[in-house]
Amino acid sequence: MGWNDHIPDLSGEAEAVLSGEAEAVAVKAKAVVRCELHEDIVIDNGDPDARSYAFAIGTNRWKQGDMGCTREEFIDAIAEAIDQSADECPICAKYRDD
């Protein structure tokens, strides 16, 4: 079950926007980082303090504008963005191991 399974009223575009906003918050908090070579890959930083910081940033971001969801849904989206991130870039790892 994904984070957005409980949000039936969001269109596919709204889900993509929410997911993108959540990932941007996770990156800003340094809970995840983008691979230097493959920017579409996000890597978990493994820092529980950064995860908490991401939730704080997310709460503030939600308060500032119309996110089109509840605060809890946005926090869940941030958690999902962090939880779905890789331990390392799989593309870089493949070339390193070959």
PDB file of N, CA and C in Angstrom:
ATOM      1  N   MET A   1       0.849  -1.178   0.000  1.00  0.00           N
ATOM      2  CA  MET A   1       0.000   0.000   0.000  1.00  0.00           C
ATOM      3  C   MET A   1       0.891   1.237   0.000  1.00  0.00           C
ATOM      4  N   GLY A   2       0.699   2.107  -0.974  1.00  0.00           N
ATOM      5  CA  GLY A   2       1.480   3.328  -1.077  1.00  0.00           C
ATOM      6  C   GLY A   2       0.872   4.452  -0.271  1.00  0.00           C
ATOM      7  N   TRP A   3       1.643   5.530  -0.119  1.00  0.00           N
ATOM      8  CA  TRP A   3       1.182   6.666   0.677  1.00  0.00           C
ATOM      9  C   TRP A   3      -0.072   7.279   0.106  1.00  0.00           C
ATOM     10  N   ASN A   4      -0.256   7.205  -1.224  1.00  0.00           N
ATOM     11  CA  ASN A   4      -1.389   7.886  -1.832  1.00  0.00           C
ATOM     12  C   ASN A   4      -2.602   6.992  -2.037  1.00  0.00           C
ATOM     13  N   ASP A   5      -2.570   5.765  -1.556  1.00  0.00           N
ATOM     14  CA  ASP A   5      -3.714   4.876  -1.702  1.00  0.00           C
ATOM     15  C   ASP A   5      -4.931   5.382  -0.947  1.00  0.00           C
ATOM     16  N   HIS A   6      -4.739   6.181   0.064  1.00  0.00           N
ATOM     17  CA  HIS A   6      -5.853   6.692   0.857  1.00  0.00           C
ATOM     18  C   HIS A   6      -6.299   8.084   0.416  1.00  0.00           C
ATOM     19  N   ILE A   7      -5.857   8.527  -0.776  1.00  0.00           N
ATOM     20  CA  ILE A   7      -6.218   9.853  -1.274  1.00  0.00           C
ATOM     21  C   ILE A   7      -6.939   9.700  -2.619  1.00  0.00           C
ATOM     22  N   PRO A   8      -8.163   9.203  -2.626  1.00  0.00           N
ATOM     23  CA  PRO A   8      -8.828   8.908  -3.890  1.00  0.00           C
ATOM     24  C   PRO A   8      -9.206  10.128  -4.715  1.00  0.00           C
ATOM     25  N   ASP A   9      -9.315  11.311  -4.118  1.00  0.00           N
ATOM     26  CA  ASP A   9      -9.769  12.484  -4.847  1.00  0.00           C
ATOM     27  C   ASP A   9      -8.664  13.214  -5.603  1.00  0.00           C
ATOM     28  N   LEU A  10      -7.427  12.796  -5.486  1.00  0.00           N
ATOM     29  CA  LEU A  10      -6.340  13.456  -6.201  1.00  0.00           C
ATOM     30  C   LEU A  10      -6.217  12.885  -7.605  1.00  0.00           C
ATOM     31  N   SER A  11      -6.063  13.759  -8.576  1.00  0.00           N
ATOM     32  CA  SER A  11      -5.813  13.319  -9.939  1.00  0.00           C
ATOM     33  C   SER A  11      -4.370  12.829 -10.035  1.00  0.00           C
ATOM     34  N   GLY A  12      -4.047  12.182 -11.126  1.00  0.00           N
ATOM     35  CA  GLY A  12      -2.675  11.729 -11.325  1.00  0.00           C
ATOM     36  C   GLY A  12      -1.691  12.879 -11.297  1.00  0.00           C
ATOM     37  N   GLU A  13      -2.099  14.012 -11.868  1.00  0.00           N
ATOM     38  CA  GLU A  13      -1.233  15.191 -11.870  1.00  0.00           C
ATOM     39  C   GLU A  13      -1.037  15.724 -10.453  1.00  0.00           C
ATOM     40  N   ALA A  14      -2.111  15.762  -9.661  1.00  0.00           N
ATOM     41  CA  ALA A  14      -2.009  16.241  -8.279  1.00  0.00           C
ATOM     42  C   ALA A  14      -1.126  15.313  -7.450  1.00  0.00           C
ATOM     43  N   GLU A  15      -1.237  14.006  -7.686  1.00  0.00           N
ATOM     44  CA  GLU A  15      -0.385  13.046  -6.978  1.00  0.00           C
ATOM     45  C   GLU A  15       1.078  13.275  -7.328  1.00  0.00           C
ATOM     46  N   ALA A  16       1.352  13.528  -8.603  1.00  0.00           N
ATOM     47  CA  ALA A  16       2.729  13.765  -9.038  1.00  0.00           C
ATOM     48  C   ALA A  16       3.279  15.047  -8.417  1.00  0.00           C
ATOM     49  N   VAL A  17       2.447  16.079  -8.342  1.00  0.00           N
ATOM     50  CA  VAL A  17       2.878  17.334  -7.723  1.00  0.00           C
ATOM     51  C   VAL A  17       3.176  17.112  -6.246  1.00  0.00           C
ATOM     52  N   LEU A  18       2.278  16.411  -5.551  1.00  0.00           N
ATOM     53  CA  LEU A  18       2.478  16.137  -4.124  1.00  0.00           C
ATOM     54  C   LEU A  18       3.744  15.318  -3.906  1.00  0.00           C
ATOM     55  N   SER A  19       3.945  14.300  -4.725  1.00  0.00           N
ATOM     56  CA  SER A  19       5.140  13.469  -4.616  1.00  0.00           C
ATOM     57  C   SER A  19       6.403  14.293  -4.872  1.00  0.00           C
ATOM     58  N   GLY A  20       6.358  15.158  -5.876  1.00  0.00           N
ATOM     59  CA  GLY A  20       7.506  16.017  -6.178  1.00  0.00           C
ATOM     60  C   GLY A  20       7.805  16.999  -5.058  1.00  0.00           C
ATOM     61  N   GLU A  21       6.751  17.583  -4.483  1.00  0.00           N
ATOM     62  CA  GLU A  21       6.927  18.504  -3.347  1.00  0.00           C
ATOM     63  C   GLU A  21       7.534  17.767  -2.158  1.00  0.00           C
ATOM     64  N   ALA A  22       7.040  16.559  -1.901  1.00  0.00           N
ATOM     65  CA  ALA A  22       7.541  15.766  -0.774  1.00  0.00           C
ATOM     66  C   ALA A  22       9.014  15.421  -0.970  1.00  0.00           C
ATOM     67  N   GLU A  23       9.385  15.024  -2.184  1.00  0.00           N
ATOM     68  CA  GLU A  23      10.784  14.708  -2.464  1.00  0.00           C
ATOM     69  C   GLU A  23      11.662  15.944  -2.327  1.00  0.00           C
ATOM     70  N   ALA A  24      11.177  17.088  -2.787  1.00  0.00           N
ATOM     71  CA  ALA A  24      11.941  18.335  -2.667  1.00  0.00           C
ATOM     72  C   ALA A  24      12.191  18.690  -1.201  1.00  0.00           C
ATOM     73  N   VAL A  25      11.197  18.471  -0.359  1.00  0.00           N
ATOM     74  CA  VAL A  25      11.362  18.729   1.077  1.00  0.00           C
ATOM     75  C   VAL A  25      12.408  17.780   1.659  1.00  0.00           C
ATOM     76  N   ALA A  26      12.344  16.501   1.283  1.00  0.00           N
ATOM     77  CA  ALA A  26      13.310  15.520   1.786  1.00  0.00           C
ATOM     78  C   ALA A  26      14.733  15.883   1.363  1.00  0.00           C
ATOM     79  N   VAL A  27      14.890  16.375   0.135  1.00  0.00           N
ATOM     80  CA  VAL A  27      16.206  16.802  -0.351  1.00  0.00           C
ATOM     81  C   VAL A  27      16.671  18.043   0.410  1.00  0.00           C
ATOM     82  N   LYS A  28      15.776  19.006   0.588  1.00  0.00           N
ATOM     83  CA  LYS A  28      16.135  20.238   1.303  1.00  0.00           C
ATOM     84  C   LYS A  28      16.605  19.938   2.724  1.00  0.00           C
ATOM     85  N   ALA A  29      15.962  18.966   3.375  1.00  0.00           N
ATOM     86  CA  ALA A  29      16.320  18.597   4.747  1.00  0.00           C
ATOM     87  C   ALA A  29      17.554  17.706   4.797  1.00  0.00           C
ATOM     88  N   LYS A  30      18.043  17.300   3.629  1.00  0.00           N
ATOM     89  CA  LYS A  30      19.183  16.389   3.507  1.00  0.00           C
ATOM     90  C   LYS A  30      18.882  14.999   4.076  1.00  0.00           C
ATOM     91  N   ALA A  31      17.584  14.650   4.095  1.00  0.00           N
ATOM     92  CA  ALA A  31      17.196  13.292   4.469  1.00  0.00           C
ATOM     93  C   ALA A  31      17.516  12.345   3.320  1.00  0.00           C
ATOM     94  N   VAL A  32      17.478  12.882   2.103  1.00  0.00           N
ATOM     95  CA  VAL A  32      17.903  12.159   0.912  1.00  0.00           C
ATOM     96  C   VAL A  32      18.777  13.099   0.094  1.00  0.00           C
ATOM     97  N   VAL A  33      19.622  12.520  -0.735  1.00  0.00           N
ATOM     98  CA  VAL A  33      20.442  13.299  -1.659  1.00  0.00           C
ATOM     99  C   VAL A  33      20.263  12.720  -3.053  1.00  0.00           C
ATOM    100  N   ARG A  34      20.472  13.531  -4.055  1.00  0.00           N
ATOM    101  CA  ARG A  34      20.410  13.053  -5.436  1.00  0.00           C
ATOM    102  C   ARG A  34      21.787  12.526  -5.843  1.00  0.00           C
ATOM    103  N   CYS A  35      21.774  11.454  -6.616  1.00  0.00           N
ATOM    104  CA  CYS A  35      23.026  10.941  -7.170  1.00  0.00           C
ATOM    105  C   CYS A  35      23.648  12.044  -8.027  1.00  0.00           C
ATOM    106  N   GLU A  36      24.948  12.230  -7.906  1.00  0.00           N
ATOM    107  CA  GLU A  36      25.640  13.276  -8.665  1.00  0.00           C
ATOM    108  C   GLU A  36      25.598  13.023 -10.168  1.00  0.00           C
ATOM    109  N   LEU A  37      25.495  11.756 -10.567  1.00  0.00           N
ATOM    110  CA  LEU A  37      25.493  11.415 -11.987  1.00  0.00           C
ATOM    111  C   LEU A  37      24.103  11.135 -12.536  1.00  0.00           C
ATOM    112  N   HIS A  38      23.190  10.719 -11.684  1.00  0.00           N
ATOM    113  CA  HIS A  38      21.840  10.324 -12.106  1.00  0.00           C
ATOM    114  C   HIS A  38      20.823  11.046 -11.224  1.00  0.00           C
ATOM    115  N   GLU A  39      20.448  12.257 -11.633  1.00  0.00           N
ATOM    116  CA  GLU A  39      19.649  13.130 -10.772  1.00  0.00           C
ATOM    117  C   GLU A  39      18.250  12.609 -10.479  1.00  0.00           C
ATOM    118  N   ASP A  40      17.789  11.615 -11.238  1.00  0.00           N
ATOM    119  CA  ASP A  40      16.469  11.054 -10.952  1.00  0.00           C
ATOM    120  C   ASP A  40      16.522  10.010  -9.840  1.00  0.00           C
ATOM    121  N   ILE A  41      17.718   9.674  -9.367  1.00  0.00           N
ATOM    122  CA  ILE A  41      17.893   8.711  -8.280  1.00  0.00           C
ATOM    123  C   ILE A  41      18.139   9.472  -6.979  1.00  0.00           C
ATOM    124  N   VAL A  42      17.309   9.180  -5.959  1.00  0.00           N
ATOM    125  CA  VAL A  42      17.535   9.772  -4.642  1.00  0.00           C
ATOM    126  C   VAL A  42      18.043   8.690  -3.701  1.00  0.00           C
ATOM    127  N   ILE A  43      18.988   9.069  -2.868  1.00  0.00           N
ATOM    128  CA  ILE A  43      19.675   8.138  -1.978  1.00  0.00           C
ATOM    129  C   ILE A  43      19.401   8.547  -0.540  1.00  0.00           C
ATOM    130  N   ASP A  44      19.037   7.577   0.286  1.00  0.00           N
ATOM    131  CA  ASP A  44      18.743   7.826   1.699  1.00  0.00           C
ATOM    132  C   ASP A  44      20.020   8.231   2.417  1.00  0.00           C
ATOM    133  N   ASN A  45      19.949   9.313   3.155  1.00  0.00           N
ATOM    134  CA  ASN A  45      21.091   9.796   3.933  1.00  0.00           C
ATOM    135  C   ASN A  45      21.279   8.976   5.208  1.00  0.00           C
ATOM    136  N   GLY A  46      20.209   8.315   5.679  1.00  0.00           N
ATOM    137  CA  GLY A  46      20.300   7.495   6.886  1.00  0.00           C
ATOM    138  C   GLY A  46      20.380   8.287   8.175  1.00  0.00           C
ATOM    139  N   ASP A  47      20.029   9.550   8.125  1.00  0.00           N
ATOM    140  CA  ASP A  47      20.122  10.424   9.294  1.00  0.00           C
ATOM    141  C   ASP A  47      18.729  10.644   9.882  1.00  0.00           C
ATOM    142  N   PRO A  48      18.439  10.057  11.064  1.00  0.00           N
ATOM    143  CA  PRO A  48      17.103  10.227  11.649  1.00  0.00           C
ATOM    144  C   PRO A  48      16.787  11.680  11.997  1.00  0.00           C
ATOM    145  N   ASP A  49      17.801  12.475  12.309  1.00  0.00           N
ATOM    146  CA  ASP A  49      17.563  13.891  12.582  1.00  0.00           C
ATOM    147  C   ASP A  49      17.117  14.622  11.312  1.00  0.00           C
ATOM    148  N   ALA A  50      17.701  14.248  10.178  1.00  0.00           N
ATOM    149  CA  ALA A  50      17.310  14.861   8.907  1.00  0.00           C
ATOM    150  C   ALA A  50      15.876  14.475   8.555  1.00  0.00           C
ATOM    151  N   ARG A  51      15.484  13.259   8.893  1.00  0.00           N
ATOM    152  CA  ARG A  51      14.102  12.816   8.658  1.00  0.00           C
ATOM    153  C   ARG A  51      13.138  13.688   9.469  1.00  0.00           C
ATOM    154  N   SER A  52      13.448  13.902  10.738  1.00  0.00           N
ATOM    155  CA  SER A  52      12.612  14.761  11.588  1.00  0.00           C
ATOM    156  C   SER A  52      12.588  16.186  11.058  1.00  0.00           C
ATOM    157  N   TYR A  53      13.731  16.658  10.596  1.00  0.00           N
ATOM    158  CA  TYR A  53      13.821  18.000  10.029  1.00  0.00           C
ATOM    159  C   TYR A  53      12.946  18.106   8.775  1.00  0.00           C
ATOM    160  N   ALA A  54      12.933  17.050   7.968  1.00  0.00           N
ATOM    161  CA  ALA A  54      12.082  17.037   6.770  1.00  0.00           C
ATOM    162  C   ALA A  54      10.612  17.179   7.151  1.00  0.00           C
ATOM    163  N   PHE A  55      10.199  16.511   8.220  1.00  0.00           N
ATOM    164  CA  PHE A  55       8.806  16.625   8.661  1.00  0.00           C
ATOM    165  C   PHE A  55       8.508  18.043   9.143  1.00  0.00           C
ATOM    166  N   ALA A  56       9.466  18.674   9.813  1.00  0.00           N
ATOM    167  CA  ALA A  56       9.276  20.059  10.275  1.00  0.00           C
ATOM    168  C   ALA A  56       9.186  21.015   9.084  1.00  0.00           C
ATOM    169  N   ILE A  57      10.065  20.847   8.111  1.00  0.00           N
ATOM    170  CA  ILE A  57      10.012  21.676   6.905  1.00  0.00           C
ATOM    171  C   ILE A  57       8.689  21.453   6.185  1.00  0.00           C
ATOM    172  N   GLY A  58       8.279  20.199   6.101  1.00  0.00           N
ATOM    173  CA  GLY A  58       7.019  19.872   5.438  1.00  0.00           C
ATOM    174  C   GLY A  58       5.823  20.512   6.109  1.00  0.00           C
ATOM    175  N   THR A  59       5.808  20.507   7.427  1.00  0.00           N
ATOM    176  CA  THR A  59       4.713  21.146   8.163  1.00  0.00           C
ATOM    177  C   THR A  59       4.678  22.638   7.862  1.00  0.00           C
ATOM    178  N   ASN A  60       5.843  23.280   7.879  1.00  0.00           N
ATOM    179  CA  ASN A  60       5.907  24.713   7.563  1.00  0.00           C
ATOM    180  C   ASN A  60       5.496  24.984   6.120  1.00  0.00           C
ATOM    181  N   ARG A  61       5.950  24.144   5.200  1.00  0.00           N
ATOM    182  CA  ARG A  61       5.588  24.298   3.776  1.00  0.00           C
ATOM    183  C   ARG A  61       4.080  24.155   3.609  1.00  0.00           C
ATOM    184  N   TRP A  62       3.484  23.195   4.299  1.00  0.00           N
ATOM    185  CA  TRP A  62       2.044  22.969   4.207  1.00  0.00           C
ATOM    186  C   TRP A  62       1.276  24.184   4.731  1.00  0.00           C
ATOM    187  N   LYS A  63       1.770  24.773   5.812  1.00  0.00           N
ATOM    188  CA  LYS A  63       1.101  25.946   6.391  1.00  0.00           C
ATOM    189  C   LYS A  63       1.172  27.166   5.471  1.00  0.00           C
ATOM    190  N   GLN A  64       2.191  27.228   4.617  1.00  0.00           N
ATOM    191  CA  GLN A  64       2.403  28.401   3.767  1.00  0.00           C
ATOM    192  C   GLN A  64       1.508  28.442   2.533  1.00  0.00           C
ATOM    193  N   GLY A  65       1.030  27.308   2.080  1.00  0.00           N
ATOM    194  CA  GLY A  65       0.289  27.337   0.826  1.00  0.00           C
ATOM    195  C   GLY A  65      -0.698  26.207   0.696  1.00  0.00           C
ATOM    196  N   ASP A  66      -1.432  26.259  -0.390  1.00  0.00           N
ATOM    197  CA  ASP A  66      -2.435  25.243  -0.669  1.00  0.00           C
ATOM    198  C   ASP A  66      -1.755  24.015  -1.271  1.00  0.00           C
ATOM    199  N   MET A  67      -1.584  23.003  -0.462  1.00  0.00           N
ATOM    200  CA  MET A  67      -0.956  21.769  -0.918  1.00  0.00           C
ATOM    201  C   MET A  67      -1.975  20.820  -1.545  1.00  0.00           C
ATOM    202  N   GLY A  68      -3.252  21.093  -1.347  1.00  0.00           N
ATOM    203  CA  GLY A  68      -4.276  20.221  -1.911  1.00  0.00           C
ATOM    204  C   GLY A  68      -4.431  18.923  -1.148  1.00  0.00           C
ATOM    205  N   CYS A  69      -3.951  18.900   0.078  1.00  0.00           N
ATOM    206  CA  CYS A  69      -4.043  17.703   0.914  1.00  0.00           C
ATOM    207  C   CYS A  69      -3.973  18.127   2.372  1.00  0.00           C
ATOM    208  N   THR A  70      -4.196  17.178   3.252  1.00  0.00           N
ATOM    209  CA  THR A  70      -4.058  17.471   4.675  1.00  0.00           C
ATOM    210  C   THR A  70      -2.579  17.465   5.049  1.00  0.00           C
ATOM    211  N   ARG A  71      -2.262  18.017   6.201  1.00  0.00           N
ATOM    212  CA  ARG A  71      -0.879  18.003   6.682  1.00  0.00           C
ATOM    213  C   ARG A  71      -0.404  16.571   6.844  1.00  0.00           C
ATOM    214  N   GLU A  72      -1.268  15.714   7.376  1.00  0.00           N
ATOM    215  CA  GLU A  72      -0.891  14.315   7.593  1.00  0.00           C
ATOM    216  C   GLU A  72      -0.568  13.625   6.273  1.00  0.00           C
ATOM    217  N   GLU A  73      -1.346  13.923   5.234  1.00  0.00           N
ATOM    218  CA  GLU A  73      -1.078  13.326   3.924  1.00  0.00           C
ATOM    219  C   GLU A  73       0.259  13.811   3.372  1.00  0.00           C
ATOM    220  N   PHE A  74       0.577  15.087   3.596  1.00  0.00           N
ATOM    221  CA  PHE A  74       1.857  15.609   3.126  1.00  0.00           C
ATOM    222  C   PHE A  74       3.016  14.987   3.897  1.00  0.00           C
ATOM    223  N   ILE A  75       2.873  14.849   5.197  1.00  0.00           N
ATOM    224  CA  ILE A  75       3.915  14.208   6.010  1.00  0.00           C
ATOM    225  C   ILE A  75       4.089  12.753   5.576  1.00  0.00           C
ATOM    226  N   ASP A  76       2.972  12.063   5.307  1.00  0.00           N
ATOM    227  CA  ASP A  76       3.049  10.684   4.814  1.00  0.00           C
ATOM    228  C   ASP A  76       3.788  10.629   3.478  1.00  0.00           C
ATOM    229  N   ALA A  77       3.543  11.610   2.614  1.00  0.00           N
ATOM    230  CA  ALA A  77       4.222  11.659   1.319  1.00  0.00           C
ATOM    231  C   ALA A  77       5.725  11.877   1.496  1.00  0.00           C
ATOM    232  N   ILE A  78       6.103  12.710   2.445  1.00  0.00           N
ATOM    233  CA  ILE A  78       7.527  12.935   2.734  1.00  0.00           C
ATOM    234  C   ILE A  78       8.157  11.647   3.259  1.00  0.00           C
ATOM    235  N   ALA A  79       7.477  10.980   4.177  1.00  0.00           N
ATOM    236  CA  ALA A  79       7.985   9.711   4.715  1.00  0.00           C
ATOM    237  C   ALA A  79       8.156   8.691   3.595  1.00  0.00           C
ATOM    238  N   GLU A  80       7.194   8.636   2.690  1.00  0.00           N
ATOM    239  CA  GLU A  80       7.275   7.699   1.567  1.00  0.00           C
ATOM    240  C   GLU A  80       8.452   8.045   0.655  1.00  0.00           C
ATOM    241  N   ALA A  81       8.674   9.329   0.404  1.00  0.00           N
ATOM    242  CA  ALA A  81       9.806   9.747  -0.429  1.00  0.00           C
ATOM    243  C   ALA A  81      11.129   9.301   0.191  1.00  0.00           C
ATOM    244  N   ILE A  82      11.226   9.418   1.498  1.00  0.00           N
ATOM    245  CA  ILE A  82      12.450   8.996   2.192  1.00  0.00           C
ATOM    246  C   ILE A  82      12.555   7.473   2.201  1.00  0.00           C
ATOM    247  N   ASP A  83      11.448   6.802   2.527  1.00  0.00           N
ATOM    248  CA  ASP A  83      11.455   5.341   2.627  1.00  0.00           C
ATOM    249  C   ASP A  83      11.704   4.658   1.286  1.00  0.00           C
ATOM    250  N   GLN A  84      11.280   5.286   0.195  1.00  0.00           N
ATOM    251  CA  GLN A  84      11.455   4.697  -1.134  1.00  0.00           C
ATOM    252  C   GLN A  84      12.822   5.001  -1.742  1.00  0.00           C
ATOM    253  N   SER A  85      13.618   5.820  -1.079  1.00  0.00           N
ATOM    254  CA  SER A  85      14.932   6.152  -1.623  1.00  0.00           C
ATOM    255  C   SER A  85      15.873   4.956  -1.488  1.00  0.00           C
ATOM    256  N   ALA A  86      16.850   4.924  -2.361  1.00  0.00           N
ATOM    257  CA  ALA A  86      17.791   3.810  -2.406  1.00  0.00           C
ATOM    258  C   ALA A  86      18.906   3.997  -1.377  1.00  0.00           C
ATOM    259  N   ASP A  87      19.552   2.891  -1.022  1.00  0.00           N
ATOM    260  CA  ASP A  87      20.721   2.963  -0.147  1.00  0.00           C
ATOM    261  C   ASP A  87      21.935   3.494  -0.906  1.00  0.00           C
ATOM    262  N   GLU A  88      21.958   3.219  -2.209  1.00  0.00           N
ATOM    263  CA  GLU A  88      22.981   3.743  -3.098  1.00  0.00           C
ATOM    264  C   GLU A  88      22.389   3.776  -4.497  1.00  0.00           C
ATOM    265  N   CYS A  89      22.994   4.514  -5.385  1.00  0.00           N
ATOM    266  CA  CYS A  89      22.496   4.590  -6.746  1.00  0.00           C
ATOM    267  C   CYS A  89      22.683   3.226  -7.415  1.00  0.00           C
ATOM    268  N   PRO A  90      21.602   2.597  -7.866  1.00  0.00           N
ATOM    269  CA  PRO A  90      21.739   1.275  -8.476  1.00  0.00           C
ATOM    270  C   PRO A  90      22.493   1.309  -9.804  1.00  0.00           C
ATOM    271  N   ILE A  91      22.423   2.416 -10.521  1.00  0.00           N
ATOM    272  CA  ILE A  91      23.138   2.524 -11.793  1.00  0.00           C
ATOM    273  C   ILE A  91      24.637   2.626 -11.540  1.00  0.00           C
ATOM    274  N   CYS A  92      25.025   3.485 -10.614  1.00  0.00           N
ATOM    275  CA  CYS A  92      26.446   3.609 -10.261  1.00  0.00           C
ATOM    276  C   CYS A  92      26.973   2.294  -9.697  1.00  0.00           C
ATOM    277  N   ALA A  93      26.185   1.633  -8.862  1.00  0.00           N
ATOM    278  CA  ALA A  93      26.605   0.369  -8.257  1.00  0.00           C
ATOM    279  C   ALA A  93      26.820  -0.698  -9.323  1.00  0.00           C
ATOM    280  N   LYS A  94      25.956  -0.733 -10.333  1.00  0.00           N
ATOM    281  CA  LYS A  94      26.090  -1.721 -11.408  1.00  0.00           C
ATOM    282  C   LYS A  94      27.411  -1.533 -12.146  1.00  0.00           C
ATOM    283  N   TYR A  95      27.734  -0.287 -12.487  1.00  0.00           N
ATOM    284  CA  TYR A  95      28.980  -0.035 -13.208  1.00  0.00           C
ATOM    285  C   TYR A  95      30.202  -0.241 -12.328  1.00  0.00           C
ATOM    286  N   ARG A  96      30.068   0.047 -11.046  1.00  0.00           N
ATOM    287  CA  ARG A  96      31.178  -0.157 -10.124  1.00  0.00           C
ATOM    288  C   ARG A  96      31.474  -1.648  -9.972  1.00  0.00           C
ATOM    289  N   ASP A  97      30.409  -2.459  -9.938  1.00  0.00           N
ATOM    290  CA  ASP A  97      30.564  -3.892  -9.706  1.00  0.00           C
ATOM    291  C   ASP A  97      30.951  -4.669 -10.956  1.00  0.00           C
ATOM    292  N   ASP A  98      30.757  -4.066 -12.139  1.00  0.00           N
ATOM    293  CA  ASP A  98      31.089  -4.777 -13.395  1.00  0.00           C
ATOM    294  C   ASP A  98      32.567  -4.799 -13.661  1.00  0.00           C
TER     295      ASP A  98
END
